[in-house]
Amino acid sequence: MTFLNQPEPLRLPLVQWPDFCYNLIMEYMDKCRHHPDRDACVVCQKMEVAYCQECLDACRACTDPCLYCKFRQSCVIWELCRKEARKRCREKEGEEGKREKGEEG
């Protein structure tokens, strides 16, 4: 019980399911950003956007991996997709560098 005898919200621990889908906090249960017909299994805390298991497996769940995120140290999405996200950032930086060289020349 919390202050003023209000019941605490139902919170589940970070539990690994057989298909590697995490159930965070029941308040976040939502539909996937890319697949609205599917239930989400993770939420980007920075952007407050939910993603399904397929998006998590394909590493499409990190909304903006190149910019600062204060949640990164505790982010399930980042931990699972760190290598792929860094690769996308390097590719994006390479494309921007080529574009700048093209404009200069």
Protein backbone atom coordinates (compact mmCIF):
# COMPACT_ATOMS: atom_id res chain seq x y z
CA MET A 1 0.00 0.00 0.00
CA THR A 2 1.13 3.51 -0.74
CA PHE A 3 0.41 6.86 0.82
CA LEU A 4 -3.30 7.42 1.57
CA ASN A 5 -4.01 3.67 1.34
CA GLN A 6 -4.03 3.62 -2.45
CA PRO A 7 -3.09 0.28 -3.98
CA GLU A 8 0.26 0.15 -5.75
CA PRO A 9 0.17 -0.33 -9.54
CA LEU A 10 0.72 -3.88 -10.70
CA ARG A 11 4.37 -4.17 -11.73
CA LEU A 12 5.94 -7.29 -13.06
CA PRO A 13 9.65 -8.00 -12.78
CA LEU A 14 11.72 -8.07 -15.96
CA VAL A 15 10.94 -11.65 -16.97
CA GLN A 16 12.45 -13.50 -19.91
CA TRP A 17 9.86 -15.37 -21.93
CA PRO A 18 10.81 -18.37 -24.09
CA ASP A 19 10.71 -16.23 -27.26
CA PHE A 20 12.93 -13.61 -25.57
CA CYS A 21 10.14 -11.10 -25.25
CA TYR A 22 10.25 -8.92 -22.15
CA ASN A 23 7.20 -7.76 -20.29
CA LEU A 24 8.07 -4.50 -18.60
CA ILE A 25 5.35 -2.63 -16.73
CA MET A 26 1.69 -3.40 -17.29
CA GLU A 27 0.94 0.31 -17.75
CA TYR A 28 3.01 0.25 -20.97
CA MET A 29 1.09 -2.52 -22.72
CA ASP A 30 0.41 -1.15 -26.16
CA LYS A 31 0.52 -2.03 -29.84
CA CYS A 32 3.64 -2.09 -31.98
CA ARG A 33 4.64 1.08 -33.84
CA HIS A 34 5.33 -0.80 -37.09
CA HIS A 35 2.73 -3.59 -36.65
CA PRO A 36 -0.44 -2.12 -35.06
CA ASP A 37 -2.12 -5.54 -35.03
CA ARG A 38 0.52 -6.96 -32.63
CA ASP A 39 1.02 -6.52 -28.91
CA ALA A 40 4.19 -4.76 -27.92
CA CYS A 41 6.80 -6.40 -25.73
CA VAL A 42 9.22 -3.47 -25.21
CA VAL A 43 8.89 0.30 -24.96
CA CYS A 44 11.37 2.98 -25.94
CA GLN A 45 11.36 5.13 -22.81
CA LYS A 46 12.84 8.13 -24.62
CA MET A 47 10.26 8.27 -27.41
CA GLU A 48 7.49 6.41 -25.53
CA VAL A 49 6.93 4.12 -28.49
CA ALA A 50 6.19 0.39 -28.23
CA TYR A 51 7.60 -2.43 -30.39
CA CYS A 52 6.73 -6.09 -30.96
CA GLN A 53 9.03 -9.11 -30.83
CA GLU A 54 9.72 -9.06 -34.58
CA CYS A 55 10.90 -5.44 -34.46
CA LEU A 56 13.09 -6.26 -31.47
CA ASP A 57 14.61 -9.27 -33.24
CA ALA A 58 15.27 -7.21 -36.38
CA CYS A 59 16.75 -4.38 -34.27
CA ARG A 60 14.26 -1.87 -35.64
CA ALA A 61 13.27 -0.89 -32.12
CA CYS A 62 15.93 1.69 -31.24
CA THR A 63 14.20 4.80 -32.51
CA ASP A 64 17.20 7.12 -32.61
CA PRO A 65 20.46 5.32 -31.77
CA CYS A 66 22.75 8.17 -32.89
CA LEU A 67 21.57 10.79 -30.41
CA TYR A 68 21.96 10.97 -26.64
CA CYS A 69 19.51 8.95 -24.55
CA LYS A 70 19.39 9.21 -20.77
CA PHE A 71 17.74 5.78 -20.55
CA ARG A 72 20.44 3.93 -22.49
CA GLN A 73 22.19 2.35 -19.49
CA SER A 74 19.00 0.55 -18.46
CA CYS A 75 17.51 0.00 -21.92
CA VAL A 76 16.61 -3.56 -22.94
CA ILE A 77 16.37 -2.51 -26.60
CA TRP A 78 19.86 -0.98 -26.61
CA GLU A 79 21.37 -4.00 -24.86
CA LEU A 80 19.96 -6.40 -27.44
CA CYS A 81 20.56 -4.22 -30.51
CA ARG A 82 23.69 -2.27 -29.62
CA LYS A 83 25.91 -3.63 -32.41
CA GLU A 84 23.28 -3.15 -35.12
CA ALA A 85 22.43 0.34 -33.88
CA ARG A 86 26.07 1.42 -33.91
CA LYS A 87 26.43 0.01 -37.42
CA ARG A 88 23.43 2.07 -38.59
CA CYS A 89 24.98 5.21 -37.05
CA ARG A 90 28.28 4.65 -38.86
CA GLU A 91 26.43 4.11 -42.16
CA LYS A 92 24.37 7.26 -41.60
CA GLU A 93 27.50 9.29 -40.82
CA GLY A 94 29.17 7.90 -43.97
CA GLU A 95 26.22 8.90 -46.15
CA GLU A 96 26.19 12.41 -44.65
CA GLY A 97 29.95 12.72 -45.26
CA LYS A 98 29.54 11.73 -48.92
CA ARG A 99 26.72 14.25 -49.33
CA GLU A 100 28.85 17.04 -47.84
CA LYS A 101 31.78 16.19 -50.14
CA GLY A 102 29.42 16.22 -53.12
CA GLU A 103 28.14 19.67 -52.22
CA GLU A 104 31.66 21.08 -51.78
CA GLY A 105 32.99 19.72 -55.07
